[in-house]
Every structure is written in structure tokens, then in C-alpha cells.
């Protein structure tokens, strides 16, 4: 009876060790997978931006640092850097814009992709956060229903704002146009 209890304790100890080992293995595997994904994304950043070794090191270190100190992962920051690189931003411009975009995403409680679109709209047009909110609340749901991306909608709204059209009027007008385009009996559809 005593040997059965001892064997049971030993078996329980082995089982708990196996479970602990599996948990540790899963965590280590997850960390390795995340690091590989980050490195792959940074390789994209390097290729798209054409950055030299010093610039690339700055971008990589910045992504890692922001990944530790913000609500976003280093990989998400690297994806943001990639997007800015595609738009032709220099390393210095990326380093400045990324922090502002992360702050904007956090402050407005939006995801990083939407904050990226907002930041590009703000830096390339007369659009600002108030105009964005005013116009996009009117047009975004209809644009989404029509299958129009937020990037395309933001581009149109930015152009309208640049021409001096008030954000509320621009948002309402674009919404009405999109609604008429979806109505097969409207004059606009015909």
C-alpha cells in the first residue's frame, strides 16, 4: 500500500513535469515564431525603403522599442513602417510618423490600419481629426456597404476637403452619391 502511494506520487510528479515542459515548449515556440515573423517583416521594410545598414538598424530598434512600450507589437510597428515605406517616406519621416500614428490609434481607440489611413490623410491634405470624424461618420457605413475601402473613402474625403468643401457637407454629399449609385432606379445609376 505504501509503495502504491509512493508510485502514485512519483507518477503525479512526472506528469506535472511533463505538463510544465509542454507549457514551456509552447511559450518558447511562440516566441520563436513571433521573432521570425518580425524579422521577415523587417526584411520587407529594408527592401521597400532601401535603407542602408544604419537606417535599417534605427527602424528595427525603434520597432522593437515601441513594441515593448506601447499597446502594439514590434511586428505591427514593422508593418506600419512597411506601409509608410510604400508611400515613399524616408527613414526619418517613418520614425516621426510611426510614433504619431501609434499615439493616434491609442487616443482614438482605433486599430493601427485605420490610424495609418488617418495619419496619411492628415499629413497629405487639409483633413484633420475633427474633419475626419465629421465626414467619416456620415459616409463610412455606406461606403463599407458598397464595398469601398476606408483608404479610398479617405482619399476622396481628403480631396473634397482640399477643395474647401466643409467636412459635414462633403461626408453627406458622398454618402448620398453612394446611396444613389446602389439604387438601380436612380438617375445617377442610369
C-alpha atoms as a PDB file:
ATOM      1  CA  UNK A   1       0.000   0.000   0.000  1.00  0.00           C
ATOM      2  CA  UNK A   2       2.875   2.336   0.893  1.00  0.00           C
ATOM      3  CA  UNK A   3       4.675   1.503  -2.350  1.00  0.00           C
ATOM      4  CA  UNK A   4       1.465   2.144  -4.325  1.00  0.00           C
ATOM      5  CA  UNK A   5       1.177   5.637  -2.770  1.00  0.00           C
ATOM      6  CA  UNK A   6       4.857   6.310  -3.470  1.00  0.00           C
ATOM      7  CA  UNK A   7       4.434   5.170  -7.057  1.00  0.00           C
ATOM      8  CA  UNK A   8       1.325   7.370  -7.376  1.00  0.00           C
ATOM      9  CA  UNK A   9       3.222  10.405  -6.066  1.00  0.00           C
ATOM     10  CA  UNK A  10       6.106   9.696  -8.396  1.00  0.00           C
ATOM     11  CA  UNK A  11       3.744   9.316 -11.376  1.00  0.00           C
ATOM     12  CA  UNK A  12       1.962  12.560 -10.442  1.00  0.00           C
ATOM     13  CA  UNK A  13       5.321  14.346 -10.210  1.00  0.00           C
ATOM     14  CA  UNK A  14       6.338  13.043 -13.631  1.00  0.00           C
ATOM     15  CA  UNK A  15       3.011  14.100 -15.142  1.00  0.00           C
ATOM     16  CA  UNK A  16       3.266  17.610 -13.696  1.00  0.00           C
ATOM     17  CA  UNK A  17       6.824  17.847 -15.048  1.00  0.00           C
ATOM     18  CA  UNK A  18       5.617  16.774 -18.499  1.00  0.00           C
ATOM     19  CA  UNK A  19       2.797  19.346 -18.423  1.00  0.00           C
ATOM     20  CA  UNK A  20       5.218  22.080 -17.296  1.00  0.00           C
ATOM     21  CA  UNK A  21       7.682  21.107 -20.038  1.00  0.00           C
ATOM     22  CA  UNK A  22       4.909  21.271 -22.667  1.00  0.00           C
ATOM     23  CA  UNK A  23       3.853  24.721 -21.450  1.00  0.00           C
ATOM     24  CA  UNK A  24       7.447  25.985 -21.545  1.00  0.00           C
ATOM     25  CA  UNK A  25       7.926  24.463 -25.018  1.00  0.00           C
ATOM     26  CA  UNK A  26       4.763  26.181 -26.263  1.00  0.00           C
ATOM     27  CA  UNK A  27       5.866  29.553 -24.895  1.00  0.00           C
ATOM     28  CA  UNK A  28       9.365  29.221 -26.382  1.00  0.00           C
ATOM     29  CA  UNK A  29       7.878  28.080 -29.706  1.00  0.00           C
ATOM     30  CA  UNK A  30       5.530  31.063 -29.726  1.00  0.00           C
ATOM     31  CA  UNK A  31       8.382  33.490 -29.010  1.00  0.00           C
ATOM     32  CA  UNK A  32      10.494  31.991 -31.805  1.00  0.00           C
ATOM     33  CA  UNK A  33       7.565  32.157 -34.239  1.00  0.00           C
ATOM     34  CA  UNK A  34       6.895  35.819 -33.312  1.00  0.00           C
ATOM     35  CA  UNK A  35      10.569  36.711 -33.724  1.00  0.00           C
ATOM     36  CA  UNK A  36      10.727  35.068 -37.156  1.00  0.00           C
ATOM     37  CA  UNK A  37       7.587  36.938 -38.244  1.00  0.00           C
ATOM     38  CA  UNK A  38       9.129  40.209 -37.015  1.00  0.00           C
ATOM     39  CA  UNK A  39      12.398  39.522 -38.849  1.00  0.00           C
ATOM     40  CA  UNK A  40      10.505  38.708 -42.044  1.00  0.00           C
ATOM     41  CA  UNK A  41       8.520  41.951 -41.762  1.00  0.00           C
ATOM     42  CA  UNK A  42      11.716  43.918 -41.149  1.00  0.00           C
ATOM     43  CA  UNK A  43      13.231  42.343 -44.279  1.00  0.00           C
ATOM     44  CA  UNK A  44      10.254  43.811 -46.156  1.00  0.00           C
ATOM     45  CA  UNK A  45      10.904  47.191 -44.535  1.00  0.00           C
ATOM     46  CA  UNK A  46      14.530  47.088 -45.689  1.00  0.00           C
ATOM     47  CA  UNK A  47      13.603  46.084 -49.238  1.00  0.00           C
ATOM     48  CA  UNK A  48      10.846  48.663 -49.620  1.00  0.00           C
ATOM     49  CA  UNK A  49      12.620  51.603 -48.006  1.00  0.00           C
ATOM     50  CA  UNK A  50      16.032  50.833 -49.500  1.00  0.00           C
ATOM     51  CA  UNK A  51      17.515  51.845 -46.160  1.00  0.00           C
ATOM     52  CA  UNK A  52      21.228  51.465 -45.507  1.00  0.00           C
ATOM     53  CA  UNK A  53      22.502  49.448 -42.523  1.00  0.00           C
ATOM     54  CA  UNK A  54      22.419  52.413 -40.120  1.00  0.00           C
ATOM     55  CA  UNK A  55      18.906  53.436 -41.156  1.00  0.00           C
ATOM     56  CA  UNK A  56      17.683  49.847 -41.018  1.00  0.00           C
ATOM     57  CA  UNK A  57      19.128  49.430 -37.529  1.00  0.00           C
ATOM     58  CA  UNK A  58      17.277  52.587 -36.432  1.00  0.00           C
ATOM     59  CA  UNK A  59      13.989  51.300 -37.865  1.00  0.00           C
ATOM     60  CA  UNK A  60      14.421  47.844 -36.329  1.00  0.00           C
ATOM     61  CA  UNK A  61      15.404  49.157 -32.890  1.00  0.00           C
ATOM     62  CA  UNK A  62      12.542  51.645 -32.991  1.00  0.00           C
ATOM     63  CA  UNK A  63      10.019  48.914 -33.850  1.00  0.00           C
ATOM     64  CA  UNK A  64      11.295  46.736 -31.018  1.00  0.00           C
ATOM     65  CA  UNK A  65      11.279  49.610 -28.527  1.00  0.00           C
ATOM     66  CA  UNK A  66       7.740  50.668 -29.486  1.00  0.00           C
ATOM     67  CA  UNK A  67       6.679  47.028 -29.297  1.00  0.00           C
ATOM     68  CA  UNK A  68       7.832  46.971 -25.676  1.00  0.00           C
ATOM     69  CA  UNK A  69       6.432  50.351 -24.646  1.00  0.00           C
ATOM     70  CA  UNK A  70       3.084  50.630 -26.463  1.00  0.00           C
ATOM     71  CA  UNK A  71      -0.036  48.540 -26.890  1.00  0.00           C
ATOM     72  CA  UNK A  72       1.261  47.378 -30.279  1.00  0.00           C
ATOM     73  CA  UNK A  73       3.657  44.569 -31.095  1.00  0.00           C
ATOM     74  CA  UNK A  74       7.017  45.097 -32.763  1.00  0.00           C
ATOM     75  CA  UNK A  75       5.658  43.289 -35.815  1.00  0.00           C
ATOM     76  CA  UNK A  76       2.700  45.672 -36.047  1.00  0.00           C
ATOM     77  CA  UNK A  77       5.102  48.615 -35.896  1.00  0.00           C
ATOM     78  CA  UNK A  78       7.200  46.990 -38.641  1.00  0.00           C
ATOM     79  CA  UNK A  79       4.044  46.607 -40.758  1.00  0.00           C
ATOM     80  CA  UNK A  80       3.354  50.304 -40.226  1.00  0.00           C
ATOM     81  CA  UNK A  81       6.928  51.102 -41.307  1.00  0.00           C
ATOM     82  CA  UNK A  82       6.355  48.990 -44.430  1.00  0.00           C
ATOM     83  CA  UNK A  83       3.200  50.940 -45.280  1.00  0.00           C
ATOM     84  CA  UNK A  84       4.985  54.264 -44.901  1.00  0.00           C
ATOM     85  CA  UNK A  85       7.884  52.951 -46.985  1.00  0.00           C
ATOM     86  CA  UNK A  86       5.435  52.074 -49.773  1.00  0.00           C
ATOM     87  CA  UNK A  87       4.220  55.668 -49.681  1.00  0.00           C
ATOM     88  CA  UNK A  88       7.781  56.879 -50.242  1.00  0.00           C
ATOM     89  CA  UNK A  89       8.503  58.121 -46.720  1.00  0.00           C
ATOM     90  CA  UNK A  90      12.193  58.417 -45.804  1.00  0.00           C
ATOM     91  CA  UNK A  91      13.612  56.711 -42.710  1.00  0.00           C
ATOM     92  CA  UNK A  92      13.426  59.979 -40.759  1.00  0.00           C
ATOM     93  CA  UNK A  93       9.832  60.564 -41.829  1.00  0.00           C
ATOM     94  CA  UNK A  94       8.883  56.998 -40.901  1.00  0.00           C
ATOM     95  CA  UNK A  95      10.456  57.344 -37.453  1.00  0.00           C
ATOM     96  CA  UNK A  96       8.495  60.561 -36.834  1.00  0.00           C
ATOM     97  CA  UNK A  97       5.205  59.391 -38.342  1.00  0.00           C
ATOM     98  CA  UNK A  98       5.084  55.983 -36.667  1.00  0.00           C
ATOM     99  CA  UNK A  99       5.020  57.335 -33.122  1.00  0.00           C
ATOM    100  CA  UNK A 100       2.336  59.862 -34.025  1.00  0.00           C
ATOM    101  CA  UNK A 101       0.294  57.119 -35.706  1.00  0.00           C
ATOM    102  CA  UNK A 102       0.568  54.836 -32.675  1.00  0.00           C
ATOM    103  CA  UNK A 103      -0.464  57.714 -30.411  1.00  0.00           C
ATOM    104  CA  UNK A 104      -3.384  58.495 -32.733  1.00  0.00           C
ATOM    105  CA  UNK A 105      -4.512  54.858 -32.722  1.00  0.00           C
ATOM    106  CA  UNK A 106      -4.323  54.749 -28.934  1.00  0.00           C
ATOM    107  CA  UNK A 107      -6.041  58.115 -28.421  1.00  0.00           C
ATOM    108  CA  UNK A 108      -8.880  57.387 -30.835  1.00  0.00           C
ATOM    109  CA  UNK A 109      -9.191  53.722 -29.811  1.00  0.00           C
ATOM    110  CA  UNK A 110      -8.841  52.559 -33.423  1.00  0.00           C
ATOM    111  CA  UNK A 111      -6.808  49.778 -34.920  1.00  0.00           C
ATOM    112  CA  UNK A 112      -3.423  50.547 -36.408  1.00  0.00           C
ATOM    113  CA  UNK A 113      -4.530  50.166 -40.028  1.00  0.00           C
ATOM    114  CA  UNK A 114      -7.250  52.777 -39.597  1.00  0.00           C
ATOM    115  CA  UNK A 115      -4.908  55.101 -37.704  1.00  0.00           C
ATOM    116  CA  UNK A 116      -2.394  54.697 -40.556  1.00  0.00           C
ATOM    117  CA  UNK A 117      -5.018  55.788 -43.094  1.00  0.00           C
ATOM    118  CA  UNK A 118      -5.985  58.698 -40.853  1.00  0.00           C
ATOM    119  CA  UNK A 119      -2.382  59.818 -40.400  1.00  0.00           C
ATOM    120  CA  UNK A 120      -1.705  59.741 -44.145  1.00  0.00           C
ATOM    121  CA  UNK A 121      -4.905  61.727 -44.760  1.00  0.00           C
ATOM    122  CA  UNK A 122      -3.904  64.299 -42.166  1.00  0.00           C
ATOM    123  CA  UNK A 123      -0.367  64.755 -43.492  1.00  0.00           C
ATOM    124  CA  UNK A 124      -1.299  64.891 -47.176  1.00  0.00           C
ATOM    125  CA  UNK A 125      -4.418  67.074 -47.150  1.00  0.00           C
ATOM    126  CA  UNK A 126      -6.395  69.715 -45.293  1.00  0.00           C
ATOM    127  CA  UNK A 127      -8.075  66.908 -43.326  1.00  0.00           C
ATOM    128  CA  UNK A 128      -7.673  66.919 -39.542  1.00  0.00           C
ATOM    129  CA  UNK A 129      -9.143  64.739 -36.816  1.00  0.00           C
ATOM    130  CA  UNK A 130     -12.294  66.836 -36.396  1.00  0.00           C
ATOM    131  CA  UNK A 131     -12.976  66.887 -40.136  1.00  0.00           C
ATOM    132  CA  UNK A 132     -12.208  63.163 -40.294  1.00  0.00           C
ATOM    133  CA  UNK A 133     -14.736  62.365 -37.570  1.00  0.00           C
ATOM    134  CA  UNK A 134     -17.359  64.667 -39.033  1.00  0.00           C
ATOM    135  CA  UNK A 135     -17.134  63.361 -42.574  1.00  0.00           C
ATOM    136  CA  UNK A 136     -16.360  59.698 -41.978  1.00  0.00           C
ATOM    137  CA  UNK A 137     -19.212  59.124 -39.526  1.00  0.00           C
ATOM    138  CA  UNK A 138     -21.593  60.150 -42.300  1.00  0.00           C
ATOM    139  CA  UNK A 139     -20.049  58.223 -45.179  1.00  0.00           C
ATOM    140  CA  UNK A 140     -18.092  55.255 -43.733  1.00  0.00           C
ATOM    141  CA  UNK A 141     -21.038  52.865 -43.109  1.00  0.00           C
ATOM    142  CA  UNK A 142     -22.461  53.431 -46.602  1.00  0.00           C
ATOM    143  CA  UNK A 143     -19.021  53.150 -48.218  1.00  0.00           C
ATOM    144  CA  UNK A 144     -18.391  49.883 -46.386  1.00  0.00           C
ATOM    145  CA  UNK A 145     -21.773  48.523 -47.510  1.00  0.00           C
ATOM    146  CA  UNK A 146     -20.879  49.498 -51.089  1.00  0.00           C
ATOM    147  CA  UNK A 147     -17.582  47.622 -50.813  1.00  0.00           C
ATOM    148  CA  UNK A 148     -15.445  50.767 -50.915  1.00  0.00           C
ATOM    149  CA  UNK A 149     -12.327  50.583 -48.753  1.00  0.00           C
ATOM    150  CA  UNK A 150     -11.597  53.021 -45.970  1.00  0.00           C
ATOM    151  CA  UNK A 151      -8.452  54.052 -47.862  1.00  0.00           C
ATOM    152  CA  UNK A 152     -10.452  55.003 -50.977  1.00  0.00           C
ATOM    153  CA  UNK A 153     -13.091  56.763 -48.912  1.00  0.00           C
ATOM    154  CA  UNK A 154     -10.435  58.705 -47.009  1.00  0.00           C
ATOM    155  CA  UNK A 155      -8.727  59.686 -50.278  1.00  0.00           C
ATOM    156  CA  UNK A 156     -11.975  61.085 -51.692  1.00  0.00           C
ATOM    157  CA  UNK A 157     -12.769  62.912 -48.457  1.00  0.00           C
ATOM    158  CA  UNK A 158      -9.247  64.367 -48.368  1.00  0.00           C
ATOM    159  CA  UNK A 159      -9.625  65.688 -51.928  1.00  0.00           C
ATOM    160  CA  UNK A 160     -13.017  67.190 -51.146  1.00  0.00           C
ATOM    161  CA  UNK A 161     -11.636  68.837 -48.013  1.00  0.00           C
ATOM    162  CA  UNK A 162      -8.699  70.208 -50.032  1.00  0.00           C
ATOM    163  CA  UNK A 163     -11.145  71.966 -52.381  1.00  0.00           C
ATOM    164  CA  UNK A 164     -12.613  73.815 -49.413  1.00  0.00           C
ATOM    165  CA  UNK A 165     -15.827  71.811 -49.034  1.00  0.00           C
ATOM    166  CA  UNK A 166     -16.917  71.658 -45.403  1.00  0.00           C
ATOM    167  CA  UNK A 167     -16.402  68.182 -43.908  1.00  0.00           C
ATOM    168  CA  UNK A 168     -20.048  67.723 -42.931  1.00  0.00           C
ATOM    169  CA  UNK A 169     -21.267  68.669 -46.404  1.00  0.00           C
ATOM    170  CA  UNK A 170     -18.612  66.506 -48.087  1.00  0.00           C
ATOM    171  CA  UNK A 171     -19.498  63.494 -45.955  1.00  0.00           C
ATOM    172  CA  UNK A 172     -23.228  63.884 -46.513  1.00  0.00           C
ATOM    173  CA  UNK A 173     -22.816  64.500 -50.243  1.00  0.00           C
ATOM    174  CA  UNK A 174     -20.569  61.487 -50.758  1.00  0.00           C
ATOM    175  CA  UNK A 175     -22.950  59.349 -48.717  1.00  0.00           C
ATOM    176  CA  UNK A 176     -25.872  60.449 -50.914  1.00  0.00           C
ATOM    177  CA  UNK A 177     -23.888  59.731 -54.089  1.00  0.00           C
ATOM    178  CA  UNK A 178     -23.028  56.237 -52.856  1.00  0.00           C
ATOM    179  CA  UNK A 179     -26.660  55.586 -51.892  1.00  0.00           C
ATOM    180  CA  UNK A 180     -27.864  56.687 -55.341  1.00  0.00           C
ATOM    181  CA  UNK A 181     -25.230  54.503 -57.022  1.00  0.00           C
ATOM    182  CA  UNK A 182     -26.621  51.488 -55.148  1.00  0.00           C
ATOM    183  CA  UNK A 183     -30.196  52.281 -56.238  1.00  0.00           C
ATOM    184  CA  UNK A 184     -30.621  50.883 -59.749  1.00  0.00           C
ATOM    185  CA  UNK A 185     -33.628  53.162 -60.380  1.00  0.00           C
ATOM    186  CA  UNK A 186     -31.795  56.415 -59.541  1.00  0.00           C
ATOM    187  CA  UNK A 187     -30.734  58.862 -62.263  1.00  0.00           C
ATOM    188  CA  UNK A 188     -27.101  58.511 -61.132  1.00  0.00           C
ATOM    189  CA  UNK A 189     -27.123  54.722 -61.598  1.00  0.00           C
ATOM    190  CA  UNK A 190     -28.710  55.061 -65.030  1.00  0.00           C
END
